[in-house]
Amino acid sequence: MTDQLKESAVIQALLERFQKLILPQALGMKERVDAGKRLSSMDMEFLKEVLDAANKALPMVDRHPEYKELAARAIHLYNEITARALENEEKS
């Protein structure tokens, strides 16, 4: 298997994981923090893992500019979640 084929397979797996697991969980967190709730320790651990994985995937996104908008939108979503979560923490 060529390096390009391997990278395509990795991208496909990452996209599927994002669509089926990460995005639904992130949207659920966004809904909760928008309702004024605080993030649980499990939520914070999830965000940490996702952001660590995103940082590792950035070089791949640089090599495949067709995914830059998706990556930017995901990062924006995480930023919205963390900003609102911080507001909720400060209120309580």
PDB file of N, CA and C in Angstrom:
ATOM      1  N   MET A   1       0.855  -1.178   0.000  1.00  0.00           N
ATOM      2  CA  MET A   1       0.000   0.000   0.000  1.00  0.00           C
ATOM      3  C   MET A   1       0.896   1.235   0.000  1.00  0.00           C
ATOM      4  N   THR A   2       0.587   2.157  -0.878  1.00  0.00           N
ATOM      5  CA  THR A   2       1.394   3.374  -0.971  1.00  0.00           C
ATOM      6  C   THR A   2       1.076   4.314   0.185  1.00  0.00           C
ATOM      7  N   ASP A   3       1.988   5.253   0.407  1.00  0.00           N
ATOM      8  CA  ASP A   3       1.767   6.236   1.468  1.00  0.00           C
ATOM      9  C   ASP A   3       0.502   7.044   1.217  1.00  0.00           C
ATOM     10  N   GLN A   4       0.262   7.378  -0.037  1.00  0.00           N
ATOM     11  CA  GLN A   4      -0.936   8.151  -0.377  1.00  0.00           C
ATOM     12  C   GLN A   4      -2.203   7.349  -0.084  1.00  0.00           C
ATOM     13  N   LEU A   5      -2.173   6.074  -0.383  1.00  0.00           N
ATOM     14  CA  LEU A   5      -3.316   5.211  -0.093  1.00  0.00           C
ATOM     15  C   LEU A   5      -3.527   5.069   1.412  1.00  0.00           C
ATOM     16  N   LYS A   6      -2.433   4.927   2.144  1.00  0.00           N
ATOM     17  CA  LYS A   6      -2.530   4.835   3.606  1.00  0.00           C
ATOM     18  C   LYS A   6      -3.131   6.112   4.180  1.00  0.00           C
ATOM     19  N   GLU A   7      -2.648   7.256   3.699  1.00  0.00           N
ATOM     20  CA  GLU A   7      -3.161   8.522   4.209  1.00  0.00           C
ATOM     21  C   GLU A   7      -4.635   8.687   3.857  1.00  0.00           C
ATOM     22  N   SER A   8      -5.038   8.265   2.682  1.00  0.00           N
ATOM     23  CA  SER A   8      -6.454   8.331   2.309  1.00  0.00           C
ATOM     24  C   SER A   8      -7.308   7.476   3.236  1.00  0.00           C
ATOM     25  N   ALA A   9      -6.801   6.308   3.593  1.00  0.00           N
ATOM     26  CA  ALA A   9      -7.528   5.431   4.513  1.00  0.00           C
ATOM     27  C   ALA A   9      -7.627   6.061   5.901  1.00  0.00           C
ATOM     28  N   VAL A  10      -6.555   6.697   6.349  1.00  0.00           N
ATOM     29  CA  VAL A  10      -6.564   7.371   7.647  1.00  0.00           C
ATOM     30  C   VAL A  10      -7.569   8.519   7.630  1.00  0.00           C
ATOM     31  N   ILE A  11      -7.573   9.297   6.559  1.00  0.00           N
ATOM     32  CA  ILE A  11      -8.507  10.415   6.440  1.00  0.00           C
ATOM     33  C   ILE A  11      -9.942   9.895   6.486  1.00  0.00           C
ATOM     34  N   GLN A  12     -10.217   8.836   5.757  1.00  0.00           N
ATOM     35  CA  GLN A  12     -11.564   8.264   5.740  1.00  0.00           C
ATOM     36  C   GLN A  12     -11.975   7.824   7.139  1.00  0.00           C
ATOM     37  N   ALA A  13     -11.078   7.184   7.867  1.00  0.00           N
ATOM     38  CA  ALA A  13     -11.381   6.732   9.224  1.00  0.00           C
ATOM     39  C   ALA A  13     -11.614   7.918  10.158  1.00  0.00           C
ATOM     40  N   LEU A  14     -10.799   8.961  10.022  1.00  0.00           N
ATOM     41  CA  LEU A  14     -10.963  10.155  10.854  1.00  0.00           C
ATOM     42  C   LEU A  14     -12.293  10.849  10.577  1.00  0.00           C
ATOM     43  N   LEU A  15     -12.657  10.948   9.310  1.00  0.00           N
ATOM     44  CA  LEU A  15     -13.922  11.580   8.955  1.00  0.00           C
ATOM     45  C   LEU A  15     -15.113  10.797   9.495  1.00  0.00           C
ATOM     46  N   GLU A  16     -15.032   9.488   9.393  1.00  0.00           N
ATOM     47  CA  GLU A  16     -16.118   8.651   9.905  1.00  0.00           C
ATOM     48  C   GLU A  16     -16.235   8.776  11.420  1.00  0.00           C
ATOM     49  N   ARG A  17     -15.104   8.758  12.104  1.00  0.00           N
ATOM     50  CA  ARG A  17     -15.107   8.905  13.567  1.00  0.00           C
ATOM     51  C   ARG A  17     -15.662  10.265  13.961  1.00  0.00           C
ATOM     52  N   PHE A  18     -15.268  11.299  13.225  1.00  0.00           N
ATOM     53  CA  PHE A  18     -15.767  12.639  13.511  1.00  0.00           C
ATOM     54  C   PHE A  18     -17.282  12.693  13.342  1.00  0.00           C
ATOM     55  N   GLN A  19     -17.759  12.163  12.235  1.00  0.00           N
ATOM     56  CA  GLN A  19     -19.189  12.223  11.927  1.00  0.00           C
ATOM     57  C   GLN A  19     -20.031  11.415  12.910  1.00  0.00           C
ATOM     58  N   LYS A  20     -19.583  10.220  13.242  1.00  0.00           N
ATOM     59  CA  LYS A  20     -20.403   9.317  14.047  1.00  0.00           C
ATOM     60  C   LYS A  20     -20.222   9.484  15.550  1.00  0.00           C
ATOM     61  N   LEU A  21     -19.063   9.899  16.005  1.00  0.00           N
ATOM     62  CA  LEU A  21     -18.786   9.955  17.437  1.00  0.00           C
ATOM     63  C   LEU A  21     -18.530  11.356  17.962  1.00  0.00           C
ATOM     64  N   ILE A  22     -17.584  12.023  17.354  1.00  0.00           N
ATOM     65  CA  ILE A  22     -17.108  13.290  17.913  1.00  0.00           C
ATOM     66  C   ILE A  22     -18.132  14.410  17.743  1.00  0.00           C
ATOM     67  N   LEU A  23     -18.632  14.602  16.528  1.00  0.00           N
ATOM     68  CA  LEU A  23     -19.563  15.701  16.288  1.00  0.00           C
ATOM     69  C   LEU A  23     -20.841  15.570  17.117  1.00  0.00           C
ATOM     70  N   PRO A  24     -21.479  14.412  17.175  1.00  0.00           N
ATOM     71  CA  PRO A  24     -22.681  14.325  18.019  1.00  0.00           C
ATOM     72  C   PRO A  24     -22.403  14.645  19.489  1.00  0.00           C
ATOM     73  N   GLN A  25     -21.286  14.183  20.005  1.00  0.00           N
ATOM     74  CA  GLN A  25     -20.963  14.465  21.402  1.00  0.00           C
ATOM     75  C   GLN A  25     -20.666  15.952  21.598  1.00  0.00           C
ATOM     76  N   ALA A  26     -19.950  16.548  20.667  1.00  0.00           N
ATOM     77  CA  ALA A  26     -19.642  17.982  20.768  1.00  0.00           C
ATOM     78  C   ALA A  26     -20.915  18.816  20.671  1.00  0.00           C
ATOM     79  N   LEU A  27     -21.822  18.454  19.781  1.00  0.00           N
ATOM     80  CA  LEU A  27     -23.076  19.196  19.665  1.00  0.00           C
ATOM     81  C   LEU A  27     -23.924  19.052  20.926  1.00  0.00           C
ATOM     82  N   GLY A  28     -23.886  17.885  21.537  1.00  0.00           N
ATOM     83  CA  GLY A  28     -24.582  17.696  22.807  1.00  0.00           C
ATOM     84  C   GLY A  28     -24.001  18.582  23.900  1.00  0.00           C
ATOM     85  N   MET A  29     -22.687  18.677  23.946  1.00  0.00           N
ATOM     86  CA  MET A  29     -22.041  19.562  24.924  1.00  0.00           C
ATOM     87  C   MET A  29     -22.419  21.012  24.656  1.00  0.00           C
ATOM     88  N   LYS A  30     -22.433  21.405  23.387  1.00  0.00           N
ATOM     89  CA  LYS A  30     -22.795  22.779  23.037  1.00  0.00           C
ATOM     90  C   LYS A  30     -24.212  23.079  23.496  1.00  0.00           C
ATOM     91  N   GLU A  31     -25.107  22.161  23.288  1.00  0.00           N
ATOM     92  CA  GLU A  31     -26.491  22.340  23.720  1.00  0.00           C
ATOM     93  C   GLU A  31     -26.573  22.516  25.242  1.00  0.00           C
ATOM     94  N   ARG A  32     -25.815  21.716  25.963  1.00  0.00           N
ATOM     95  CA  ARG A  32     -25.833  21.800  27.430  1.00  0.00           C
ATOM     96  C   ARG A  32     -25.246  23.118  27.929  1.00  0.00           C
ATOM     97  N   VAL A  33     -24.108  23.522  27.375  1.00  0.00           N
ATOM     98  CA  VAL A  33     -23.509  24.772  27.854  1.00  0.00           C
ATOM     99  C   VAL A  33     -24.338  25.974  27.425  1.00  0.00           C
ATOM    100  N   ASP A  34     -24.983  25.895  26.260  1.00  0.00           N
ATOM    101  CA  ASP A  34     -25.866  26.984  25.838  1.00  0.00           C
ATOM    102  C   ASP A  34     -27.072  27.095  26.768  1.00  0.00           C
ATOM    103  N   ALA A  35     -27.441  25.981  27.412  1.00  0.00           N
ATOM    104  CA  ALA A  35     -28.546  25.985  28.376  1.00  0.00           C
ATOM    105  C   ALA A  35     -28.082  26.394  29.773  1.00  0.00           C
ATOM    106  N   GLY A  36     -26.800  26.752  29.891  1.00  0.00           N
ATOM    107  CA  GLY A  36     -26.280  27.236  31.166  1.00  0.00           C
ATOM    108  C   GLY A  36     -25.669  26.172  32.048  1.00  0.00           C
ATOM    109  N   LYS A  37     -25.566  24.950  31.539  1.00  0.00           N
ATOM    110  CA  LYS A  37     -24.991  23.875  32.345  1.00  0.00           C
ATOM    111  C   LYS A  37     -23.472  23.900  32.279  1.00  0.00           C
ATOM    112  N   ARG A  38     -22.863  23.286  33.271  1.00  0.00           N
ATOM    113  CA  ARG A  38     -21.402  23.186  33.336  1.00  0.00           C
ATOM    114  C   ARG A  38     -20.954  21.882  32.685  1.00  0.00           C
ATOM    115  N   LEU A  39     -19.723  21.881  32.202  1.00  0.00           N
ATOM    116  CA  LEU A  39     -19.155  20.661  31.638  1.00  0.00           C
ATOM    117  C   LEU A  39     -18.776  19.709  32.765  1.00  0.00           C
ATOM    118  N   SER A  40     -18.999  18.438  32.524  1.00  0.00           N
ATOM    119  CA  SER A  40     -18.578  17.427  33.489  1.00  0.00           C
ATOM    120  C   SER A  40     -17.087  17.143  33.287  1.00  0.00           C
ATOM    121  N   SER A  41     -16.514  16.418  34.212  1.00  0.00           N
ATOM    122  CA  SER A  41     -15.107  16.045  34.062  1.00  0.00           C
ATOM    123  C   SER A  41     -14.936  15.142  32.833  1.00  0.00           C
ATOM    124  N   MET A  42     -15.935  14.329  32.533  1.00  0.00           N
ATOM    125  CA  MET A  42     -15.869  13.490  31.321  1.00  0.00           C
ATOM    126  C   MET A  42     -15.907  14.346  30.065  1.00  0.00           C
ATOM    127  N   ASP A  43     -16.741  15.404  30.073  1.00  0.00           N
ATOM    128  CA  ASP A  43     -16.781  16.329  28.937  1.00  0.00           C
ATOM    129  C   ASP A  43     -15.423  16.990  28.725  1.00  0.00           C
ATOM    130  N   MET A  44     -14.828  17.426  29.817  1.00  0.00           N
ATOM    131  CA  MET A  44     -13.530  18.102  29.707  1.00  0.00           C
ATOM    132  C   MET A  44     -12.451  17.140  29.208  1.00  0.00           C
ATOM    133  N   GLU A  45     -12.491  15.905  29.666  1.00  0.00           N
ATOM    134  CA  GLU A  45     -11.530  14.900  29.188  1.00  0.00           C
ATOM    135  C   GLU A  45     -11.743  14.636  27.696  1.00  0.00           C
ATOM    136  N   PHE A  46     -12.998  14.553  27.282  1.00  0.00           N
ATOM    137  CA  PHE A  46     -13.314  14.363  25.868  1.00  0.00           C
ATOM    138  C   PHE A  46     -12.744  15.509  25.034  1.00  0.00           C
ATOM    139  N   LEU A  47     -12.982  16.747  25.472  1.00  0.00           N
ATOM    140  CA  LEU A  47     -12.462  17.896  24.732  1.00  0.00           C
ATOM    141  C   LEU A  47     -10.944  17.879  24.657  1.00  0.00           C
ATOM    142  N   LYS A  48     -10.298  17.519  25.759  1.00  0.00           N
ATOM    143  CA  LYS A  48      -8.840  17.442  25.763  1.00  0.00           C
ATOM    144  C   LYS A  48      -8.349  16.421  24.737  1.00  0.00           C
ATOM    145  N   GLU A  49      -8.957  15.249  24.727  1.00  0.00           N
ATOM    146  CA  GLU A  49      -8.560  14.201  23.779  1.00  0.00           C
ATOM    147  C   GLU A  49      -8.807  14.629  22.343  1.00  0.00           C
ATOM    148  N   VAL A  50      -9.949  15.262  22.092  1.00  0.00           N
ATOM    149  CA  VAL A  50     -10.280  15.698  20.735  1.00  0.00           C
ATOM    150  C   VAL A  50      -9.314  16.784  20.270  1.00  0.00           C
ATOM    151  N   LEU A  51      -9.010  17.723  21.148  1.00  0.00           N
ATOM    152  CA  LEU A  51      -8.087  18.788  20.762  1.00  0.00           C
ATOM    153  C   LEU A  51      -6.672  18.258  20.560  1.00  0.00           C
ATOM    154  N   ASP A  52      -6.252  17.294  21.367  1.00  0.00           N
ATOM    155  CA  ASP A  52      -4.947  16.661  21.158  1.00  0.00           C
ATOM    156  C   ASP A  52      -4.910  15.961  19.800  1.00  0.00           C
ATOM    157  N   ALA A  53      -5.971  15.235  19.489  1.00  0.00           N
ATOM    158  CA  ALA A  53      -6.045  14.535  18.199  1.00  0.00           C
ATOM    159  C   ALA A  53      -6.075  15.532  17.042  1.00  0.00           C
ATOM    160  N   ALA A  54      -6.786  16.626  17.230  1.00  0.00           N
ATOM    161  CA  ALA A  54      -6.855  17.649  16.177  1.00  0.00           C
ATOM    162  C   ALA A  54      -5.482  18.256  15.914  1.00  0.00           C
ATOM    163  N   ASN A  55      -4.735  18.522  16.967  1.00  0.00           N
ATOM    164  CA  ASN A  55      -3.380  19.058  16.790  1.00  0.00           C
ATOM    165  C   ASN A  55      -2.496  18.090  16.025  1.00  0.00           C
ATOM    166  N   LYS A  56      -2.650  16.799  16.284  1.00  0.00           N
ATOM    167  CA  LYS A  56      -1.858  15.795  15.561  1.00  0.00           C
ATOM    168  C   LYS A  56      -2.280  15.694  14.098  1.00  0.00           C
ATOM    169  N   ALA A  57      -3.557  16.002  13.812  1.00  0.00           N
ATOM    170  CA  ALA A  57      -4.070  15.891  12.445  1.00  0.00           C
ATOM    171  C   ALA A  57      -3.792  17.133  11.598  1.00  0.00           C
ATOM    172  N   LEU A  58      -3.389  18.232  12.213  1.00  0.00           N
ATOM    173  CA  LEU A  58      -3.173  19.471  11.460  1.00  0.00           C
ATOM    174  C   LEU A  58      -2.190  19.336  10.294  1.00  0.00           C
ATOM    175  N   PRO A  59      -1.077  18.615  10.451  1.00  0.00           N
ATOM    176  CA  PRO A  59      -0.197  18.465   9.289  1.00  0.00           C
ATOM    177  C   PRO A  59      -0.893  17.781   8.108  1.00  0.00           C
ATOM    178  N   MET A  60      -1.787  16.835   8.404  1.00  0.00           N
ATOM    179  CA  MET A  60      -2.523  16.162   7.340  1.00  0.00           C
ATOM    180  C   MET A  60      -3.496  17.139   6.668  1.00  0.00           C
ATOM    181  N   VAL A  61      -4.120  17.998   7.468  1.00  0.00           N
ATOM    182  CA  VAL A  61      -5.028  19.008   6.917  1.00  0.00           C
ATOM    183  C   VAL A  61      -4.248  19.967   6.026  1.00  0.00           C
ATOM    184  N   ASP A  62      -3.033  20.308   6.415  1.00  0.00           N
ATOM    185  CA  ASP A  62      -2.200  21.174   5.576  1.00  0.00           C
ATOM    186  C   ASP A  62      -1.904  20.525   4.220  1.00  0.00           C
ATOM    187  N   ARG A  63      -1.752  19.216   4.224  1.00  0.00           N
ATOM    188  CA  ARG A  63      -1.482  18.506   2.967  1.00  0.00           C
ATOM    189  C   ARG A  63      -2.743  18.316   2.126  1.00  0.00           C
ATOM    190  N   HIS A  64      -3.902  18.487   2.749  1.00  0.00           N
ATOM    191  CA  HIS A  64      -5.182  18.291   2.055  1.00  0.00           C
ATOM    192  C   HIS A  64      -6.082  19.496   2.311  1.00  0.00           C
ATOM    193  N   PRO A  65      -5.855  20.575   1.580  1.00  0.00           N
ATOM    194  CA  PRO A  65      -6.593  21.822   1.833  1.00  0.00           C
ATOM    195  C   PRO A  65      -8.105  21.685   1.674  1.00  0.00           C
ATOM    196  N   GLU A  66      -8.570  20.645   1.018  1.00  0.00           N
ATOM    197  CA  GLU A  66     -10.015  20.461   0.865  1.00  0.00           C
ATOM    198  C   GLU A  66     -10.705  20.213   2.211  1.00  0.00           C
ATOM    199  N   TYR A  67      -9.926  19.910   3.255  1.00  0.00           N
ATOM    200  CA  TYR A  67     -10.494  19.665   4.592  1.00  0.00           C
ATOM    201  C   TYR A  67     -10.285  20.841   5.553  1.00  0.00           C
ATOM    202  N   LYS A  68      -9.675  21.916   5.059  1.00  0.00           N
ATOM    203  CA  LYS A  68      -9.390  23.056   5.949  1.00  0.00           C
ATOM    204  C   LYS A  68     -10.663  23.696   6.486  1.00  0.00           C
ATOM    205  N   GLU A  69     -11.685  23.848   5.660  1.00  0.00           N
ATOM    206  CA  GLU A  69     -12.922  24.465   6.141  1.00  0.00           C
ATOM    207  C   GLU A  69     -13.581  23.602   7.214  1.00  0.00           C
ATOM    208  N   LEU A  70     -13.605  22.303   7.014  1.00  0.00           N
ATOM    209  CA  LEU A  70     -14.170  21.398   8.018  1.00  0.00           C
ATOM    210  C   LEU A  70     -13.395  21.503   9.328  1.00  0.00           C
ATOM    211  N   ALA A  71     -12.082  21.506   9.245  1.00  0.00           N
ATOM    212  CA  ALA A  71     -11.249  21.617  10.443  1.00  0.00           C
ATOM    213  C   ALA A  71     -11.496  22.952  11.142  1.00  0.00           C
ATOM    214  N   ALA A  72     -11.595  24.014  10.374  1.00  0.00           N
ATOM    215  CA  ALA A  72     -11.834  25.336  10.963  1.00  0.00           C
ATOM    216  C   ALA A  72     -13.193  25.400  11.647  1.00  0.00           C
ATOM    217  N   ARG A  73     -14.195  24.798  11.046  1.00  0.00           N
ATOM    218  CA  ARG A  73     -15.530  24.797  11.651  1.00  0.00           C
ATOM    219  C   ARG A  73     -15.552  23.975  12.929  1.00  0.00           C
ATOM    220  N   ALA A  74     -14.837  22.866  12.941  1.00  0.00           N
ATOM    221  CA  ALA A  74     -14.767  22.043  14.150  1.00  0.00           C
ATOM    222  C   ALA A  74     -14.055  22.808  15.266  1.00  0.00           C
ATOM    223  N   ILE A  75     -12.962  23.459  14.941  1.00  0.00           N
ATOM    224  CA  ILE A  75     -12.227  24.239  15.937  1.00  0.00           C
ATOM    225  C   ILE A  75     -13.100  25.374  16.465  1.00  0.00           C
ATOM    226  N   HIS A  76     -13.861  25.994  15.586  1.00  0.00           N
ATOM    227  CA  HIS A  76     -14.770  27.060  16.007  1.00  0.00           C
ATOM    228  C   HIS A  76     -15.831  26.512  16.975  1.00  0.00           C
ATOM    229  N   LEU A  77     -16.350  25.333  16.692  1.00  0.00           N
ATOM    230  CA  LEU A  77     -17.328  24.705  17.583  1.00  0.00           C
ATOM    231  C   LEU A  77     -16.721  24.453  18.962  1.00  0.00           C
ATOM    232  N   TYR A  78     -15.509  23.915  18.992  1.00  0.00           N
ATOM    233  CA  TYR A  78     -14.844  23.665  20.283  1.00  0.00           C
ATOM    234  C   TYR A  78     -14.600  24.969  21.030  1.00  0.00           C
ATOM    235  N   ASN A  79     -14.255  26.018  20.294  1.00  0.00           N
ATOM    236  CA  ASN A  79     -14.044  27.323  20.912  1.00  0.00           C
ATOM    237  C   ASN A  79     -15.344  27.848  21.522  1.00  0.00           C
ATOM    238  N   GLU A  80     -16.445  27.705  20.795  1.00  0.00           N
ATOM    239  CA  GLU A  80     -17.743  28.138  21.321  1.00  0.00           C
ATOM    240  C   GLU A  80     -18.096  27.368  22.596  1.00  0.00           C
ATOM    241  N   ILE A  81     -17.855  26.070  22.582  1.00  0.00           N
ATOM    242  CA  ILE A  81     -18.163  25.237  23.748  1.00  0.00           C
ATOM    243  C   ILE A  81     -17.341  25.683  24.950  1.00  0.00           C
ATOM    244  N   THR A  82     -16.049  25.839  24.754  1.00  0.00           N
ATOM    245  CA  THR A  82     -15.186  26.184  25.889  1.00  0.00           C
ATOM    246  C   THR A  82     -15.453  27.599  26.389  1.00  0.00           C
ATOM    247  N   ALA A  83     -15.733  28.530  25.486  1.00  0.00           N
ATOM    248  CA  ALA A  83     -16.027  29.906  25.908  1.00  0.00           C
ATOM    249  C   ALA A  83     -17.312  29.950  26.731  1.00  0.00           C
ATOM    250  N   ARG A  84     -18.333  29.253  26.263  1.00  0.00           N
ATOM    251  CA  ARG A  84     -19.603  29.245  27.001  1.00  0.00           C
ATOM    252  C   ARG A  84     -19.452  28.492  28.317  1.00  0.00           C
ATOM    253  N   ALA A  85     -18.695  27.412  28.301  1.00  0.00           N
ATOM    254  CA  ALA A  85     -18.468  26.650  29.539  1.00  0.00           C
ATOM    255  C   ALA A  85     -17.762  27.523  30.569  1.00  0.00           C
ATOM    256  N   LEU A  86     -16.810  28.326  30.131  1.00  0.00           N
ATOM    257  CA  LEU A  86     -16.112  29.228  31.054  1.00  0.00           C
ATOM    258  C   LEU A  86     -17.088  30.261  31.628  1.00  0.00           C
ATOM    259  N   GLU A  87     -17.941  30.810  30.797  1.00  0.00           N
ATOM    260  CA  GLU A  87     -18.965  31.751  31.274  1.00  0.00           C
ATOM    261  C   GLU A  87     -19.842  31.080  32.337  1.00  0.00           C
ATOM    262  N   ASN A  88     -20.251  29.848  32.069  1.00  0.00           N
ATOM    263  CA  ASN A  88     -21.105  29.121  33.015  1.00  0.00           C
ATOM    264  C   ASN A  88     -20.382  28.865  34.331  1.00  0.00           C
ATOM    265  N   GLU A  89     -19.086  28.557  34.263  1.00  0.00           N
ATOM    266  CA  GLU A  89     -18.307  28.326  35.476  1.00  0.00           C
ATOM    267  C   GLU A  89     -18.200  29.617  36.298  1.00  0.00           C
ATOM    268  N   GLU A  90     -17.992  30.721  35.617  1.00  0.00           N
ATOM    269  CA  GLU A  90     -17.848  32.004  36.301  1.00  0.00           C
ATOM    270  C   GLU A  90     -19.150  32.436  36.967  1.00  0.00           C
ATOM    271  N   LYS A  91     -20.287  32.047  36.402  1.00  0.00           N
ATOM    272  CA  LYS A  91     -21.596  32.392  36.959  1.00  0.00           C
ATOM    273  C   LYS A  91     -21.923  31.574  38.198  1.00  0.00           C
ATOM    274  N   SER A  92     -21.366  30.385  38.284  1.00  0.00           N
ATOM    275  CA  SER A  92     -21.735  29.516  39.423  1.00  0.00           C
ATOM    276  C   SER A  92     -20.811  29.661  40.597  1.00  0.00           C
TER     277      SER A  92
END
